[in-house]
């Protein structure tokens, strides 16, 4: 079992992670609503896939105190790499007015996922039983 000890820093990171999951889910739900109403998604990403993916990552996040450290870090690395590749890099390289609802929806997708990568990196790797070494 992971020896996760709640500290003010970990409580803040946990709150920020909950904010990320809420924003990511809300964005994907909004994209699905936009698709239903206007026939256009906010981004090329399938909103249902986005909702399911974020829900799985959120479930992993909620299980953190109950999972052994190393499997959690491996799963966290896979999810972070996926968010980085498909949630940031893909959007940065593929803007087109034909595939995005607007430049704002493109920018917002990148911003939400960048925020999520930073927060989840800190949650997955800096609050573990064996955190990454930090020089003081």
Protein backbone atom coordinates (compact mmCIF):
# COMPACT_ATOMS: atom_id res chain seq x y z
CA UNK A 1 0.00 0.00 0.00
CA UNK A 2 1.06 3.51 -0.68
CA UNK A 3 1.90 5.56 2.37
CA UNK A 4 0.09 8.69 1.25
CA UNK A 5 0.12 11.30 3.99
CA UNK A 6 -2.21 14.25 3.59
CA UNK A 7 -0.38 17.56 3.82
CA UNK A 8 -1.57 21.07 2.94
CA UNK A 9 0.35 20.74 -0.35
CA UNK A 10 -1.25 17.40 -1.21
CA UNK A 11 -4.70 18.78 -0.32
CA UNK A 12 -4.14 21.69 -2.69
CA UNK A 13 -2.91 19.34 -5.43
CA UNK A 14 -5.92 17.12 -4.87
CA UNK A 15 -8.26 20.12 -5.19
CA UNK A 16 -6.48 21.25 -8.37
CA UNK A 17 -6.74 17.73 -9.80
CA UNK A 18 -10.48 17.68 -9.08
CA UNK A 19 -10.69 21.05 -10.89
CA UNK A 20 -8.88 19.60 -13.91
CA UNK A 21 -11.19 16.58 -14.09
CA UNK A 22 -14.24 18.83 -13.79
CA UNK A 23 -12.96 21.16 -16.54
CA UNK A 24 -12.01 18.28 -18.86
CA UNK A 25 -15.33 16.52 -18.38
CA UNK A 26 -17.28 19.78 -18.80
CA UNK A 27 -15.37 20.58 -21.99
CA UNK A 28 -16.08 17.17 -23.50
CA UNK A 29 -19.75 17.29 -22.47
CA UNK A 30 -19.95 20.77 -24.03
CA UNK A 31 -18.40 19.38 -27.19
CA UNK A 32 -21.05 16.64 -27.31
CA UNK A 33 -23.83 19.18 -26.75
CA UNK A 34 -22.37 21.36 -29.51
CA UNK A 35 -22.31 18.33 -31.81
CA UNK A 36 -25.94 17.52 -31.00
CA UNK A 37 -27.13 21.11 -31.45
CA UNK A 38 -24.96 22.47 -34.29
CA UNK A 39 -23.48 19.35 -35.86
CA UNK A 40 -19.93 20.50 -34.99
CA UNK A 41 -17.69 19.34 -32.14
CA UNK A 42 -15.47 21.82 -30.32
CA UNK A 43 -12.39 19.79 -31.35
CA UNK A 44 -11.71 16.79 -33.61
CA UNK A 45 -11.60 14.56 -30.52
CA UNK A 46 -14.65 12.33 -30.14
CA UNK A 47 -16.41 13.77 -27.06
CA UNK A 48 -17.61 10.38 -25.82
CA UNK A 49 -14.06 9.00 -25.99
CA UNK A 50 -12.83 12.11 -24.13
CA UNK A 51 -15.43 11.64 -21.40
CA UNK A 52 -14.60 7.94 -20.97
CA UNK A 53 -10.83 8.57 -20.99
CA UNK A 54 -11.04 11.34 -18.39
CA UNK A 55 -13.39 9.22 -16.25
CA UNK A 56 -10.85 6.36 -16.26
CA UNK A 57 -8.00 8.69 -15.29
CA UNK A 58 -10.21 10.23 -12.58
CA UNK A 59 -11.01 6.76 -11.24
CA UNK A 60 -7.27 6.02 -11.05
CA UNK A 61 -6.71 9.32 -9.25
CA UNK A 62 -9.39 8.43 -6.70
CA UNK A 63 -7.76 5.04 -6.09
CA UNK A 64 -4.30 6.52 -5.42
CA UNK A 65 -4.38 6.03 -1.63
CA UNK A 66 -5.30 2.36 -2.08
CA UNK A 67 -2.91 1.33 -4.86
CA UNK A 68 0.69 0.24 -4.45
CA UNK A 69 3.08 3.02 -5.44
CA UNK A 70 4.84 1.55 -8.46
CA UNK A 71 1.80 0.32 -10.43
CA UNK A 72 0.19 3.69 -9.76
CA UNK A 73 3.24 5.50 -11.13
CA UNK A 74 3.31 3.27 -14.22
CA UNK A 75 -0.40 3.86 -14.91
CA UNK A 76 0.05 7.57 -14.20
CA UNK A 77 2.93 7.74 -16.69
CA UNK A 78 0.82 6.09 -19.40
CA UNK A 79 -2.10 8.46 -18.79
CA UNK A 80 0.14 11.54 -18.67
CA UNK A 81 1.84 10.55 -21.91
CA UNK A 82 -1.58 10.09 -23.52
CA UNK A 83 -2.84 13.48 -22.35
CA UNK A 84 0.39 15.12 -23.50
CA UNK A 85 0.31 13.44 -26.92
CA UNK A 86 -3.40 13.62 -27.71
CA UNK A 87 -4.52 16.52 -25.53
CA UNK A 88 -1.72 19.00 -26.20
CA UNK A 89 0.62 18.04 -29.03
CA UNK A 90 -2.16 16.84 -31.35
CA UNK A 91 -4.08 20.09 -30.88
CA UNK A 92 -0.97 22.25 -31.29
CA UNK A 93 -0.03 20.63 -34.58
CA UNK A 94 -3.45 20.26 -36.16
CA UNK A 95 -5.40 23.51 -35.96
CA UNK A 96 -7.81 23.94 -38.84
CA UNK A 97 -11.02 25.99 -38.98
CA UNK A 98 -12.68 22.92 -40.50
CA UNK A 99 -11.99 20.67 -37.51
CA UNK A 100 -12.28 23.09 -34.57
CA UNK A 101 -15.37 25.05 -33.67
CA UNK A 102 -13.25 28.17 -33.14
CA UNK A 103 -9.72 29.24 -32.31
CA UNK A 104 -10.93 29.78 -28.74
CA UNK A 105 -12.12 26.14 -28.46
CA UNK A 106 -8.70 25.05 -29.80
CA UNK A 107 -6.86 27.22 -27.27
CA UNK A 108 -9.11 26.13 -24.39
CA UNK A 109 -8.51 22.43 -25.14
CA UNK A 110 -4.75 22.99 -25.00
CA UNK A 111 -4.97 25.12 -21.86
CA UNK A 112 -7.12 22.62 -19.94
CA UNK A 113 -4.85 19.71 -20.87
CA UNK A 114 -1.67 21.64 -20.08
CA UNK A 115 -3.09 22.48 -16.65
CA UNK A 116 -4.03 18.81 -16.21
CA UNK A 117 -0.57 17.54 -17.19
CA UNK A 118 1.13 19.82 -14.70
CA UNK A 119 -1.24 19.02 -11.84
CA UNK A 120 -1.38 15.28 -12.52
CA UNK A 121 2.41 15.09 -12.82
CA UNK A 122 2.68 16.62 -9.36
CA UNK A 123 -0.03 14.36 -7.97
CA UNK A 124 1.32 11.18 -9.53
CA UNK A 125 5.01 11.73 -8.83
CA UNK A 126 5.52 14.28 -6.07
CA UNK A 127 3.10 12.91 -3.48
CA UNK A 128 4.05 9.23 -3.71
CA UNK A 129 5.67 7.09 -1.08
CA UNK A 130 8.85 7.42 -3.14
CA UNK A 131 8.59 10.87 -4.71
CA UNK A 132 11.03 12.19 -7.24
CA UNK A 133 14.07 13.69 -5.53
CA UNK A 134 13.85 17.43 -5.05
CA UNK A 135 16.96 19.43 -4.21
CA UNK A 136 16.60 21.81 -1.30
